[in-house]
């Protein structure tokens, strides 16, 4: 996305990315022209899990995943309020 603004996280925040249950590291990826995920016409996608940790908060860990059906899931999300539209 060439026009997207750059986002910088605090140095204490770490993102760990797993693609298809394998740890992924952008910096060590030699061939950046080869796709690392696949989106299929059936709606399926390569499963992705992102773990967010922050060294300032011991034990803090949040997980966001895209499952094989393409659904975005925040594992530790709080329960939506009663009657909330679309879960928010």
C-alpha atoms as a PDB file:
ATOM      1  CA  UNK A   1       0.000   0.000   0.000  1.00  0.00           C
ATOM      2  CA  UNK A   2       2.182   2.821  -1.275  1.00  0.00           C
ATOM      3  CA  UNK A   3       0.164   5.694   0.254  1.00  0.00           C
ATOM      4  CA  UNK A   4      -0.400   4.177   3.688  1.00  0.00           C
ATOM      5  CA  UNK A   5       1.226   6.133   6.528  1.00  0.00           C
ATOM      6  CA  UNK A   6       4.069   4.523   8.445  1.00  0.00           C
ATOM      7  CA  UNK A   7       3.156   3.234  11.894  1.00  0.00           C
ATOM      8  CA  UNK A   8       5.802   2.802  14.577  1.00  0.00           C
ATOM      9  CA  UNK A   9       5.175   0.762  17.692  1.00  0.00           C
ATOM     10  CA  UNK A  10       6.965   1.505  20.958  1.00  0.00           C
ATOM     11  CA  UNK A  11      10.207  -0.483  21.266  1.00  0.00           C
ATOM     12  CA  UNK A  12       8.706  -2.483  24.150  1.00  0.00           C
ATOM     13  CA  UNK A  13       5.949  -3.889  21.923  1.00  0.00           C
ATOM     14  CA  UNK A  14       6.752  -7.031  19.956  1.00  0.00           C
ATOM     15  CA  UNK A  15       4.749  -8.714  17.199  1.00  0.00           C
ATOM     16  CA  UNK A  16       5.280 -12.405  16.558  1.00  0.00           C
ATOM     17  CA  UNK A  17       3.744 -13.706  13.334  1.00  0.00           C
ATOM     18  CA  UNK A  18       2.983 -17.333  12.536  1.00  0.00           C
ATOM     19  CA  UNK A  19       1.857 -18.273   9.048  1.00  0.00           C
ATOM     20  CA  UNK A  20       0.521 -21.775   8.606  1.00  0.00           C
ATOM     21  CA  UNK A  21       1.905 -22.634  12.098  1.00  0.00           C
ATOM     22  CA  UNK A  22       5.444 -21.557  11.151  1.00  0.00           C
ATOM     23  CA  UNK A  23       7.229 -18.550  12.687  1.00  0.00           C
ATOM     24  CA  UNK A  24       7.635 -15.844  10.031  1.00  0.00           C
ATOM     25  CA  UNK A  25      10.299 -13.125   9.995  1.00  0.00           C
ATOM     26  CA  UNK A  26      10.098 -10.410   7.331  1.00  0.00           C
ATOM     27  CA  UNK A  27      13.711  -9.360   7.798  1.00  0.00           C
ATOM     28  CA  UNK A  28      15.101 -12.817   7.091  1.00  0.00           C
ATOM     29  CA  UNK A  29      12.867 -13.463   4.085  1.00  0.00           C
ATOM     30  CA  UNK A  30      15.306 -13.517   1.172  1.00  0.00           C
ATOM     31  CA  UNK A  31      12.857 -13.558  -1.727  1.00  0.00           C
ATOM     32  CA  UNK A  32      10.175 -10.970  -0.967  1.00  0.00           C
ATOM     33  CA  UNK A  33       8.520 -11.577  -4.342  1.00  0.00           C
ATOM     34  CA  UNK A  34       7.282 -15.024  -3.297  1.00  0.00           C
ATOM     35  CA  UNK A  35       3.862 -14.950  -1.591  1.00  0.00           C
ATOM     36  CA  UNK A  36       3.749 -16.155   2.006  1.00  0.00           C
ATOM     37  CA  UNK A  37      -0.036 -16.474   2.220  1.00  0.00           C
ATOM     38  CA  UNK A  38      -2.684 -17.643  -0.214  1.00  0.00           C
ATOM     39  CA  UNK A  39      -6.262 -16.492  -0.724  1.00  0.00           C
ATOM     40  CA  UNK A  40      -8.325 -19.100  -2.537  1.00  0.00           C
ATOM     41  CA  UNK A  41     -11.481 -18.526  -4.627  1.00  0.00           C
ATOM     42  CA  UNK A  42     -13.371 -20.717  -2.151  1.00  0.00           C
ATOM     43  CA  UNK A  43     -12.762 -18.053   0.521  1.00  0.00           C
ATOM     44  CA  UNK A  44     -10.085 -20.031   2.324  1.00  0.00           C
ATOM     45  CA  UNK A  45      -6.830 -18.386   3.378  1.00  0.00           C
ATOM     46  CA  UNK A  46      -3.520 -19.505   4.824  1.00  0.00           C
ATOM     47  CA  UNK A  47      -3.988 -19.340   8.635  1.00  0.00           C
ATOM     48  CA  UNK A  48      -2.172 -16.416  10.287  1.00  0.00           C
ATOM     49  CA  UNK A  49      -1.674 -15.734  14.016  1.00  0.00           C
ATOM     50  CA  UNK A  50      -0.199 -12.494  15.348  1.00  0.00           C
ATOM     51  CA  UNK A  51       0.846 -12.336  19.001  1.00  0.00           C
ATOM     52  CA  UNK A  52       1.300  -8.891  20.560  1.00  0.00           C
ATOM     53  CA  UNK A  53       3.372  -8.590  23.732  1.00  0.00           C
ATOM     54  CA  UNK A  54       4.652  -5.606  25.704  1.00  0.00           C
ATOM     55  CA  UNK A  55       7.678  -5.898  28.020  1.00  0.00           C
ATOM     56  CA  UNK A  56       6.249  -3.107  30.208  1.00  0.00           C
ATOM     57  CA  UNK A  57       3.330  -5.365  31.192  1.00  0.00           C
ATOM     58  CA  UNK A  58       4.500  -8.771  32.467  1.00  0.00           C
ATOM     59  CA  UNK A  59       2.301 -11.556  31.146  1.00  0.00           C
ATOM     60  CA  UNK A  60       0.542  -9.308  28.604  1.00  0.00           C
ATOM     61  CA  UNK A  61      -0.208 -11.245  25.443  1.00  0.00           C
ATOM     62  CA  UNK A  62      -2.900 -10.688  22.832  1.00  0.00           C
ATOM     63  CA  UNK A  63      -3.575 -12.904  19.821  1.00  0.00           C
ATOM     64  CA  UNK A  64      -5.209 -11.916  16.564  1.00  0.00           C
ATOM     65  CA  UNK A  65      -5.727 -14.616  13.997  1.00  0.00           C
ATOM     66  CA  UNK A  66      -7.108 -15.060  10.539  1.00  0.00           C
ATOM     67  CA  UNK A  67      -8.480 -18.576  10.404  1.00  0.00           C
ATOM     68  CA  UNK A  68      -8.651 -20.777   7.316  1.00  0.00           C
ATOM     69  CA  UNK A  69     -12.110 -19.409   6.450  1.00  0.00           C
ATOM     70  CA  UNK A  70     -10.795 -15.828   6.429  1.00  0.00           C
ATOM     71  CA  UNK A  71     -12.449 -14.815   9.706  1.00  0.00           C
ATOM     72  CA  UNK A  72     -10.546 -12.305  11.848  1.00  0.00           C
ATOM     73  CA  UNK A  73     -10.554 -13.401  15.503  1.00  0.00           C
ATOM     74  CA  UNK A  74      -9.210 -11.517  18.531  1.00  0.00           C
ATOM     75  CA  UNK A  75      -8.880 -14.350  21.072  1.00  0.00           C
ATOM     76  CA  UNK A  76      -8.778 -12.180  24.191  1.00  0.00           C
ATOM     77  CA  UNK A  77     -11.416  -9.660  23.055  1.00  0.00           C
ATOM     78  CA  UNK A  78     -13.822  -8.591  25.775  1.00  0.00           C
ATOM     79  CA  UNK A  79     -17.398  -9.793  25.461  1.00  0.00           C
ATOM     80  CA  UNK A  80     -19.482  -7.282  23.457  1.00  0.00           C
ATOM     81  CA  UNK A  81     -22.136  -5.337  25.352  1.00  0.00           C
ATOM     82  CA  UNK A  82     -25.642  -6.827  25.324  1.00  0.00           C
ATOM     83  CA  UNK A  83     -27.464  -5.946  22.092  1.00  0.00           C
ATOM     84  CA  UNK A  84     -24.376  -4.479  20.412  1.00  0.00           C
ATOM     85  CA  UNK A  85     -24.499  -4.413  16.649  1.00  0.00           C
ATOM     86  CA  UNK A  86     -21.798  -6.515  14.916  1.00  0.00           C
ATOM     87  CA  UNK A  87     -20.265  -7.302  18.305  1.00  0.00           C
ATOM     88  CA  UNK A  88     -19.249  -3.692  19.067  1.00  0.00           C
END
